N, C-alpha and C. Protein backbone atom coordinates (compact mmCIF):
# COMPACT_ATOMS: atom_id res chain seq x y z
N MET A 1 122.06 105.13 105.30
CA MET A 1 121.22 105.37 104.07
C MET A 1 120.02 106.95 105.42
N LYS A 2 119.27 107.67 104.19
CA LYS A 2 118.93 108.01 104.24
C LYS A 2 117.01 107.98 103.82
N SER A 3 116.15 108.57 104.51
CA SER A 3 115.24 109.04 104.25
C SER A 3 114.59 110.08 104.17
N LEU A 4 113.61 110.78 102.91
CA LEU A 4 112.91 111.78 103.21
C LEU A 4 111.23 111.89 102.61
N THR A 5 110.34 112.22 103.91
CA THR A 5 108.93 111.82 103.93
C THR A 5 108.73 113.52 103.32
N ILE A 6 107.88 113.29 102.09
CA ILE A 6 107.92 114.80 101.09
C ILE A 6 106.24 115.08 101.21
N LEU A 7 105.49 116.07 102.18
CA LEU A 7 104.44 116.25 102.80
C LEU A 7 103.94 117.48 101.40
N ARG A 8 102.70 117.38 101.43
CA ARG A 8 102.12 118.74 100.61
C ARG A 8 101.44 119.08 101.88
N HIS A 9 101.35 120.19 101.00
CA HIS A 9 100.33 121.25 102.03
C HIS A 9 98.70 120.55 102.33
N ALA A 10 97.87 120.67 103.17
CA ALA A 10 96.02 119.87 102.43
C ALA A 10 95.61 121.43 102.27
N LYS A 11 94.57 120.68 101.13
CA LYS A 11 93.84 121.47 100.51
C LYS A 11 93.41 122.73 100.68
N SER A 12 93.65 124.11 100.61
CA SER A 12 93.26 125.01 101.22
C SER A 12 92.05 126.26 101.17
N GLY A 13 92.01 126.95 101.64
CA GLY A 13 90.14 126.91 101.04
C GLY A 13 90.52 128.33 101.00
N TRP A 14 90.16 128.54 99.09
CA TRP A 14 89.98 129.98 98.32
C TRP A 14 89.24 130.63 98.22
N ASP A 15 88.39 130.07 99.56
CA ASP A 15 86.74 130.56 100.06
C ASP A 15 87.37 131.98 100.98
N ALA A 16 88.81 131.98 101.66
CA ALA A 16 88.80 132.78 103.03
C ALA A 16 89.64 133.31 102.11
N THR A 17 88.71 134.91 103.24
CA THR A 17 89.35 136.63 102.33
C THR A 17 90.27 136.84 103.78
N VAL A 18 91.52 136.62 103.04
CA VAL A 18 93.35 136.81 103.36
C VAL A 18 93.83 138.28 102.34
N GLU A 19 95.20 138.70 102.49
CA GLU A 19 95.57 140.23 101.97
C GLU A 19 96.17 138.82 101.27
N ARG A 20 97.46 138.25 101.70
CA ARG A 20 98.23 137.13 101.18
C ARG A 20 98.31 136.26 100.78
N ASP A 21 98.35 134.91 100.31
CA ASP A 21 98.53 133.97 99.97
C ASP A 21 98.77 133.21 100.70
N PHE A 22 100.20 134.11 101.52
CA PHE A 22 100.79 132.79 102.55
C PHE A 22 99.90 132.32 104.38
N ASP A 23 98.50 133.82 104.18
CA ASP A 23 97.90 133.53 104.53
C ASP A 23 96.28 132.46 104.63
N ARG A 24 96.67 132.10 104.06
CA ARG A 24 95.11 131.51 103.12
C ARG A 24 95.97 130.09 104.60
N PRO A 25 94.13 129.71 105.20
CA PRO A 25 94.08 128.59 106.11
C PRO A 25 93.96 127.40 104.99
N ILE A 26 93.52 126.45 105.54
CA ILE A 26 93.21 125.19 104.84
C ILE A 26 91.34 124.02 104.67
N ASN A 27 90.59 124.15 104.14
CA ASN A 27 89.59 123.64 104.82
C ASN A 27 89.11 122.68 104.69
N VAL A 28 88.10 121.84 105.74
CA VAL A 28 88.11 120.42 105.98
C VAL A 28 87.54 120.12 105.35
N ARG A 29 87.96 119.78 103.71
CA ARG A 29 88.50 118.34 103.53
C ARG A 29 90.34 118.56 104.11
N GLY A 30 90.95 119.30 102.99
CA GLY A 30 92.02 119.64 103.52
C GLY A 30 92.89 119.55 105.56
N GLN A 31 91.71 119.51 106.03
CA GLN A 31 91.69 118.77 107.31
C GLN A 31 91.55 117.05 107.77
N ARG A 32 90.71 116.86 106.81
CA ARG A 32 90.22 114.71 107.16
C ARG A 32 91.26 114.74 106.32
N GLY A 33 91.56 115.26 104.43
CA GLY A 33 92.76 115.17 104.09
C GLY A 33 93.97 114.72 104.92
N ALA A 34 94.87 116.02 105.83
CA ALA A 34 95.37 116.29 106.54
C ALA A 34 95.59 114.80 107.79
N GLU A 35 94.42 114.12 108.57
CA GLU A 35 94.31 113.70 109.96
C GLU A 35 94.60 111.92 109.05
N LEU A 36 94.40 112.06 107.91
CA LEU A 36 93.97 110.84 107.22
C LEU A 36 95.76 110.05 106.49
N ILE A 37 96.56 111.04 106.20
CA ILE A 37 97.34 111.13 105.66
C ILE A 37 98.21 110.20 107.02
N GLY A 38 97.72 111.19 108.24
CA GLY A 38 99.16 111.18 109.80
C GLY A 38 98.62 110.08 109.42
N GLN A 39 97.42 109.67 110.24
CA GLN A 39 97.17 108.37 110.53
C GLN A 39 97.71 106.92 110.56
N TRP A 40 97.67 107.04 108.35
CA TRP A 40 98.18 106.09 108.02
C TRP A 40 99.74 106.17 107.53
N LEU A 41 100.37 107.07 108.19
CA LEU A 41 102.18 106.59 108.62
C LEU A 41 102.31 105.94 109.31
N LYS A 42 101.14 106.81 110.91
CA LYS A 42 101.88 105.59 112.01
C LYS A 42 101.74 104.96 111.76
N ARG A 43 100.54 104.23 111.12
CA ARG A 43 100.22 102.59 111.17
C ARG A 43 101.17 101.52 109.84
N GLN A 44 101.85 102.63 109.28
CA GLN A 44 103.14 102.81 108.24
C GLN A 44 103.94 102.42 109.83
N LYS A 45 104.30 102.97 110.60
CA LYS A 45 105.35 102.76 111.92
C LYS A 45 106.96 102.89 110.54
N LEU A 46 106.52 104.88 109.90
CA LEU A 46 107.66 104.58 109.27
C LEU A 46 107.76 105.59 110.59
N PRO A 47 109.66 105.67 110.73
CA PRO A 47 110.09 106.78 111.45
C PRO A 47 109.95 108.03 110.57
N VAL A 48 109.80 109.36 111.60
CA VAL A 48 110.39 111.03 111.42
C VAL A 48 111.84 110.89 112.55
N ASP A 49 112.10 111.60 112.66
CA ASP A 49 113.62 112.57 113.40
C ASP A 49 113.54 114.65 113.39
N ARG A 50 113.21 114.86 112.25
CA ARG A 50 112.90 115.83 111.71
C ARG A 50 112.72 116.48 111.07
N ILE A 51 111.13 117.75 111.43
CA ILE A 51 110.95 118.19 110.54
C ILE A 51 110.71 119.48 109.70
N ILE A 52 111.40 119.91 108.20
CA ILE A 52 111.08 121.56 108.10
C ILE A 52 110.55 121.46 107.07
N ALA A 53 109.56 122.64 107.67
CA ALA A 53 108.34 123.01 106.51
C ALA A 53 107.88 125.02 106.22
N SER A 54 107.57 125.15 105.78
CA SER A 54 107.10 126.96 105.24
C SER A 54 106.54 126.98 105.67
N PRO A 55 106.68 128.72 106.77
CA PRO A 55 105.69 128.31 107.84
C PRO A 55 104.66 129.09 107.02
N ALA A 56 103.96 129.09 106.11
CA ALA A 56 103.32 129.79 105.47
C ALA A 56 101.51 129.11 106.39
N VAL A 57 100.82 129.28 106.02
CA VAL A 57 99.63 129.57 107.72
C VAL A 57 98.49 128.22 106.81
N ARG A 58 98.83 127.62 105.94
CA ARG A 58 98.02 126.12 105.56
C ARG A 58 99.34 125.13 105.58
N VAL A 59 100.35 125.84 105.44
CA VAL A 59 101.19 124.88 106.14
C VAL A 59 101.75 124.38 107.59
N THR A 60 101.31 125.61 108.09
CA THR A 60 101.31 125.42 109.76
C THR A 60 99.94 124.76 110.16
N GLN A 61 98.53 124.42 109.39
CA GLN A 61 97.89 124.27 109.72
C GLN A 61 98.31 122.57 109.41
N THR A 62 98.09 122.71 108.79
CA THR A 62 97.85 121.03 107.53
C THR A 62 98.94 120.03 108.84
N LEU A 63 100.16 120.70 109.08
CA LEU A 63 101.05 119.68 110.68
C LEU A 63 100.56 119.86 111.52
N ASP A 64 99.53 120.92 111.86
CA ASP A 64 98.60 120.62 113.44
C ASP A 64 97.65 119.90 113.12
N ILE A 65 97.46 119.39 112.40
CA ILE A 65 96.54 118.23 112.40
C ILE A 65 97.61 116.45 112.25
N PHE A 66 98.20 117.03 110.74
CA PHE A 66 99.45 115.77 110.46
C PHE A 66 99.43 115.14 111.91
N GLN A 67 100.39 115.86 112.76
CA GLN A 67 101.13 115.61 113.02
C GLN A 67 100.80 114.56 114.68
N PRO A 68 100.15 115.07 115.07
CA PRO A 68 98.82 114.64 116.15
C PRO A 68 98.60 112.76 115.65
N ALA A 69 98.24 113.10 114.19
CA ALA A 69 97.59 111.63 114.18
C ALA A 69 98.49 110.55 113.30
N ALA A 70 99.56 110.81 113.46
CA ALA A 70 101.42 110.66 113.10
C ALA A 70 101.74 110.16 113.71
N ASP A 71 101.34 110.68 115.30
CA ASP A 71 101.62 110.33 116.98
C ASP A 71 103.32 111.38 116.00
N LEU A 72 103.64 112.73 115.75
CA LEU A 72 104.93 112.41 115.48
C LEU A 72 104.67 114.43 116.22
N ASP A 73 103.40 114.55 117.38
CA ASP A 73 103.74 115.78 117.97
C ASP A 73 104.81 116.69 118.85
N ALA A 74 105.29 115.40 119.20
CA ALA A 74 106.74 115.66 119.93
C ALA A 74 107.74 116.71 119.33
N LEU A 75 107.66 116.65 118.08
CA LEU A 75 108.67 117.07 117.11
C LEU A 75 108.19 118.66 116.76
N GLU A 76 109.29 119.52 117.17
CA GLU A 76 109.08 120.78 116.68
C GLU A 76 109.15 120.86 114.67
N PRO A 77 108.38 121.26 113.97
CA PRO A 77 109.16 121.17 113.15
C PRO A 77 110.62 122.66 112.86
N GLN A 78 110.65 123.38 112.27
CA GLN A 78 112.07 124.01 111.98
C GLN A 78 111.47 124.78 110.82
N TRP A 79 111.07 125.31 110.81
CA TRP A 79 110.14 126.73 109.90
C TRP A 79 110.86 127.89 109.30
N ASP A 80 111.32 127.20 107.90
CA ASP A 80 112.05 127.61 107.28
C ASP A 80 111.49 128.85 105.95
N ARG A 81 111.26 129.93 105.60
CA ARG A 81 110.40 130.85 104.76
C ARG A 81 111.23 130.30 103.50
N ARG A 82 112.79 129.92 103.41
CA ARG A 82 112.60 129.54 101.53
C ARG A 82 111.80 128.47 100.68
N ILE A 83 111.18 127.69 101.66
CA ILE A 83 110.51 126.70 101.35
C ILE A 83 109.27 127.38 100.85
N TYR A 84 108.63 128.36 101.10
CA TYR A 84 107.70 129.31 100.67
C TYR A 84 107.94 129.38 98.86
N LEU A 85 106.94 128.52 98.17
CA LEU A 85 107.27 128.26 96.73
C LEU A 85 108.71 128.64 95.92
N ALA A 86 108.79 127.82 97.02
CA ALA A 86 110.81 127.27 96.73
C ALA A 86 110.74 126.68 94.92
N SER A 87 111.32 126.48 94.51
CA SER A 87 111.53 126.20 93.61
C SER A 87 112.52 124.28 93.65
N ALA A 88 112.62 123.12 93.35
CA ALA A 88 113.45 122.44 93.61
C ALA A 88 114.12 122.06 93.90
N ALA A 89 115.70 123.24 93.01
CA ALA A 89 116.93 123.81 93.31
C ALA A 89 116.60 124.23 94.57
N THR A 90 115.99 125.25 94.87
CA THR A 90 115.98 125.36 96.33
C THR A 90 115.97 124.97 97.74
N LEU A 91 114.86 123.58 97.42
CA LEU A 91 113.71 123.38 98.29
C LEU A 91 115.53 121.79 98.58
N ILE A 92 116.05 120.99 98.04
CA ILE A 92 117.56 120.55 97.69
C ILE A 92 118.68 121.62 98.48
N ASP A 93 118.65 122.81 98.48
CA ASP A 93 119.87 123.11 98.82
C ASP A 93 119.21 123.79 101.04
N VAL A 94 118.19 123.58 100.80
CA VAL A 94 117.88 123.54 102.09
C VAL A 94 117.35 122.37 102.66
N ILE A 95 117.45 121.31 102.33
CA ILE A 95 117.65 120.55 102.38
C ILE A 95 118.64 119.40 103.24
N ARG A 96 119.74 120.64 101.95
CA ARG A 96 121.70 120.24 102.57
C ARG A 96 121.65 121.28 104.09
N ASP A 97 120.40 122.03 103.94
CA ASP A 97 121.65 123.00 104.98
C ASP A 97 120.64 122.73 106.61
N ILE A 98 120.09 121.76 106.52
CA ILE A 98 119.41 122.07 107.46
C ILE A 98 119.23 120.49 107.88
N GLY A 99 119.14 119.18 107.14
CA GLY A 99 118.69 118.24 107.55
C GLY A 99 119.48 117.56 108.42
N GLY A 100 120.60 117.83 108.66
CA GLY A 100 122.11 117.59 109.96
C GLY A 100 122.27 116.16 110.60
N ASP A 101 122.22 115.64 111.38
CA ASP A 101 121.75 114.76 111.83
C ASP A 101 120.44 113.17 111.62
N ALA A 102 119.82 113.29 110.77
CA ALA A 102 118.13 112.87 110.81
C ALA A 102 118.41 111.79 109.79
N ALA A 103 117.82 111.32 110.23
CA ALA A 103 118.32 109.88 109.83
C ALA A 103 117.05 110.19 108.85
N HIS A 104 115.35 110.17 109.06
CA HIS A 104 114.56 110.39 108.62
C HIS A 104 113.81 111.80 108.58
N LEU A 105 114.34 112.80 107.74
CA LEU A 105 113.50 114.09 107.58
C LEU A 105 112.33 113.95 106.51
N LEU A 106 111.78 114.37 107.24
CA LEU A 106 109.90 115.03 106.57
C LEU A 106 110.38 115.91 106.51
N ILE A 107 109.76 116.97 104.58
CA ILE A 107 109.60 118.26 104.47
C ILE A 107 108.17 118.01 104.31
N SER A 108 107.74 119.28 104.53
CA SER A 108 106.26 120.22 104.01
C SER A 108 106.21 121.10 103.59
N GLY A 109 105.31 121.54 102.59
CA GLY A 109 105.66 123.04 102.09
C GLY A 109 104.36 122.63 100.76
N HIS A 110 104.77 123.26 99.62
CA HIS A 110 104.11 123.34 98.17
C HIS A 110 104.65 122.81 97.20
N ASN A 111 103.38 123.16 95.82
CA ASN A 111 103.86 122.56 94.56
C ASN A 111 103.84 123.87 94.16
N PRO A 112 104.62 124.38 92.79
CA PRO A 112 105.28 123.05 91.71
C PRO A 112 106.15 122.73 92.75
N GLY A 113 106.43 123.29 93.42
CA GLY A 113 107.94 123.32 94.10
C GLY A 113 108.98 121.92 94.52
N LEU A 114 107.43 120.90 95.28
CA LEU A 114 107.40 119.90 95.77
C LEU A 114 107.77 118.75 94.49
N GLU A 115 106.35 118.45 94.19
CA GLU A 115 106.83 117.92 93.04
C GLU A 115 107.99 117.94 91.64
N ASP A 116 108.10 118.92 91.53
CA ASP A 116 109.56 118.62 90.91
C ASP A 116 110.84 118.50 92.03
N LEU A 117 110.75 118.28 92.44
CA LEU A 117 111.85 118.12 93.33
C LEU A 117 111.83 116.34 93.62
N ILE A 118 110.29 115.58 93.35
CA ILE A 118 110.15 114.31 93.39
C ILE A 118 110.76 114.20 92.51
N LEU A 119 110.55 114.38 91.40
CA LEU A 119 110.75 114.31 90.00
C LEU A 119 111.99 115.02 89.39
N MET A 120 113.02 115.35 90.09
CA MET A 120 113.86 115.77 89.61
C MET A 120 115.13 114.48 90.99
N LEU A 121 114.46 114.23 92.44
CA LEU A 121 115.34 113.48 92.61
C LEU A 121 115.50 111.45 92.61
N VAL A 122 114.11 111.07 92.15
CA VAL A 122 113.48 109.95 91.19
C VAL A 122 114.27 109.33 90.19
N PRO A 123 114.87 109.06 89.86
CA PRO A 123 115.25 109.11 88.07
C PRO A 123 114.30 108.17 87.83
N GLU A 124 114.08 108.64 86.15
CA GLU A 124 113.02 107.77 85.34
C GLU A 124 113.00 106.67 85.12
N SER A 125 111.63 105.69 85.83
CA SER A 125 111.80 104.30 85.15
C SER A 125 111.29 104.37 84.13
N ALA A 126 110.23 103.01 82.68
CA ALA A 126 109.61 102.34 82.75
C ALA A 126 108.13 101.76 83.43
N ASP A 127 109.02 101.61 84.46
CA ASP A 127 107.66 100.47 85.39
C ASP A 127 107.36 100.81 86.91
N ASP A 128 108.16 102.63 86.84
CA ASP A 128 107.96 103.24 88.36
C ASP A 128 106.34 103.37 88.12
N GLU A 129 105.52 103.04 88.99
CA GLU A 129 104.30 103.60 88.87
C GLU A 129 103.36 104.64 90.09
N LEU A 130 104.53 104.57 91.12
CA LEU A 130 104.23 105.88 91.48
C LEU A 130 104.92 106.84 91.31
N ARG A 131 105.86 107.37 90.80
CA ARG A 131 107.11 108.50 89.69
C ARG A 131 105.63 108.71 88.08
N ALA A 132 105.01 106.99 87.76
CA ALA A 132 103.50 108.44 87.46
C ALA A 132 102.71 109.07 87.72
N GLN A 133 102.57 108.63 88.99
CA GLN A 133 101.57 109.34 90.11
C GLN A 133 102.09 110.74 89.68
N VAL A 134 103.24 110.56 90.36
CA VAL A 134 103.60 112.22 90.75
C VAL A 134 103.89 112.79 89.34
N GLU A 135 104.30 112.28 88.20
CA GLU A 135 103.92 113.08 86.77
C GLU A 135 101.89 114.03 87.11
N GLN A 136 101.90 112.56 87.12
CA GLN A 136 100.73 113.26 86.72
C GLN A 136 99.58 114.31 87.49
N LYS A 137 100.16 114.77 88.91
CA LYS A 137 99.80 115.43 89.64
C LYS A 137 100.19 114.79 91.75
N LEU A 138 101.02 116.21 92.15
CA LEU A 138 101.30 115.63 93.91
C LEU A 138 99.86 116.77 94.38
N PRO A 139 99.01 115.81 94.05
CA PRO A 139 97.55 116.31 95.32
C PRO A 139 97.83 117.29 96.72
N THR A 140 96.59 117.59 97.16
CA THR A 140 97.06 118.37 98.78
C THR A 140 97.21 116.76 99.02
N SER A 141 97.94 117.37 100.49
CA SER A 141 97.33 116.37 101.82
C SER A 141 98.83 114.61 101.13
N ALA A 142 99.23 114.60 99.82
CA ALA A 142 99.60 113.70 99.07
C ALA A 142 101.24 113.01 100.34
N LEU A 143 101.50 112.76 100.17
CA LEU A 143 103.27 112.09 101.02
C LEU A 143 103.25 111.08 100.53
N ALA A 144 104.58 111.65 99.93
CA ALA A 144 105.93 110.61 98.99
C ALA A 144 106.91 110.81 100.02
N ARG A 145 107.43 108.98 100.01
CA ARG A 145 108.21 108.56 101.00
C ARG A 145 109.66 107.71 100.14
N LEU A 146 110.72 108.65 100.30
CA LEU A 146 111.71 108.70 98.67
C LEU A 146 112.78 107.96 100.87
N GLU A 147 113.64 106.93 99.64
CA GLU A 147 114.97 106.23 100.18
C GLU A 147 115.89 106.56 99.10
N LEU A 148 117.91 107.21 100.16
CA LEU A 148 118.30 107.37 99.50
C LEU A 148 119.49 106.74 100.25
N ASP A 149 120.17 106.51 98.81
CA ASP A 149 121.68 105.69 99.78
C ASP A 149 122.86 106.81 100.25
N ILE A 150 122.65 107.25 100.77
CA ILE A 150 123.47 108.98 101.05
C ILE A 150 123.73 108.76 102.96
N ASP A 151 124.49 109.12 102.95
CA ASP A 151 125.25 108.50 104.53
C ASP A 151 124.89 110.56 105.26
N ASP A 152 125.02 111.50 104.69
CA ASP A 152 125.15 112.79 104.81
C ASP A 152 124.42 113.65 103.73
N TRP A 153 122.71 114.74 103.93
CA TRP A 153 121.97 115.11 103.19
C TRP A 153 123.18 116.04 102.00
N HIS A 154 124.21 116.49 102.19
CA HIS A 154 124.80 117.59 101.35
C HIS A 154 125.30 116.60 100.35
N ALA A 155 125.21 115.37 100.41
CA ALA A 155 125.20 114.07 99.09
C ALA A 155 123.90 114.18 98.72
N LEU A 156 122.59 114.47 98.84
CA LEU A 156 121.51 114.68 98.37
C LEU A 156 121.85 115.89 96.72
N ASP A 157 121.26 115.00 95.76
CA ASP A 157 121.17 114.87 93.71
C ASP A 157 120.13 114.45 93.76
N THR A 158 120.00 114.92 92.11
CA THR A 158 118.97 114.39 91.59
C THR A 158 119.30 112.90 90.77
N GLY A 159 118.59 112.22 91.35
CA GLY A 159 118.90 111.09 90.29
C GLY A 159 119.15 109.72 91.44
N SER A 160 118.90 110.22 92.65
CA SER A 160 119.19 109.70 93.38
C SER A 160 118.14 109.19 95.09
N ALA A 161 117.34 109.32 94.64
CA ALA A 161 116.66 108.22 95.37
C ALA A 161 115.62 107.36 95.07
N ARG A 162 114.31 106.67 95.51
CA ARG A 162 113.78 105.92 95.00
C ARG A 162 112.36 105.77 95.68
N PHE A 163 111.43 105.49 95.58
CA PHE A 163 110.82 105.68 96.19
C PHE A 163 109.96 104.83 96.82
N ALA A 164 109.71 104.50 98.14
CA ALA A 164 109.74 103.11 98.80
C ALA A 164 107.92 103.28 99.53
N ALA A 165 107.12 105.01 98.92
CA ALA A 165 105.67 104.76 99.60
C ALA A 165 104.93 106.21 99.35
N PHE A 166 104.21 106.52 98.10
CA PHE A 166 103.25 107.56 97.87
C PHE A 166 101.56 106.94 98.31
N ILE A 167 101.30 108.51 98.79
CA ILE A 167 99.27 107.63 99.27
C ILE A 167 99.21 109.39 99.54
N ARG A 168 97.79 109.55 98.98
CA ARG A 168 96.62 110.30 98.53
C ARG A 168 96.37 110.60 99.61
N PRO A 169 95.26 111.58 100.16
CA PRO A 169 93.94 111.44 100.37
C PRO A 169 92.49 110.65 99.86
N ARG A 170 92.80 110.72 98.17
CA ARG A 170 92.07 109.45 98.17
C ARG A 170 92.21 108.35 97.68
N ASP A 171 92.79 107.74 98.45
CA ASP A 171 93.51 106.36 98.42
C ASP A 171 93.65 105.76 99.87
N LEU A 172 92.55 107.00 100.54
CA LEU A 172 92.49 106.24 101.77
C LEU A 172 90.82 106.48 102.39
N ASP A 173 90.20 107.34 101.29
CA ASP A 173 88.73 107.78 101.23
C ASP A 173 88.64 108.05 100.08
N PRO A 174 87.18 107.14 99.57
CA PRO A 174 87.13 107.56 98.14
C PRO A 174 86.61 109.37 97.79
N ALA A 175 85.94 109.47 98.53
CA ALA A 175 85.23 111.29 99.28
C ALA A 175 86.10 112.72 99.16
N LEU A 176 86.85 112.09 98.89
CA LEU A 176 88.72 113.25 98.99
C LEU A 176 88.66 113.32 97.33
N SER A 177 88.51 112.50 96.63
CA SER A 177 88.94 112.08 95.56
C SER A 177 88.44 113.31 94.96
N PRO A 178 89.69 114.27 93.51
CA PRO A 178 89.11 115.17 92.81
C PRO A 178 87.81 115.24 92.62
N ALA A 179 86.76 114.87 92.10
CA ALA A 179 85.97 115.09 91.28
C ALA A 179 85.30 115.93 92.64
N MET A 180 85.79 115.59 93.27
CA MET A 180 84.64 116.80 94.86
C MET A 180 85.13 117.95 94.78
N ASP A 181 86.20 118.33 94.55
CA ASP A 181 86.60 119.98 93.39
C ASP A 181 87.60 119.67 92.74
N GLU A 182 88.27 120.59 92.36
CA GLU A 182 89.58 121.19 92.30
C GLU A 182 90.73 121.06 92.75
N ASP A 183 92.19 121.20 93.19
CA ASP A 183 93.04 121.48 93.63
C ASP A 183 93.58 122.71 93.59
């Protein structure tokens, strides 16, 4: 069995003056969200043994905060440019290529690809509240933990996962709810 943890980057600072979207940093609200989600993962004692991530600034900054909070700072992320604004199909290819022998893989990147990835991997079910929440929106700093009955990442396929957990910053601190500003 494998687990796949999906972490969307923290809230970015749209008021930052940058030439490229790739260079957009996270804002103060995003810093708080990344820290809270990292602390939550640590409290849940959910293991991660490999991290693959987009090299975009908002993802690297998210992980700079998330990893120490989650007690994962000893793991060096494997940066893969293909994750930047990737489709769900491309993300599946990246996971198959880089997953290797990891039992507990974490991928961090961007929407809409990550949201689409979750919806592609977890089959529809009328009583799946977590999937329904993701269908509404995968907000910034949200984390989804999926379980897969596979022995090798090359076997990753659509409809092959089930939710183990889903958490959003606003679930941990109501001050981080969408009413504060738009994601």
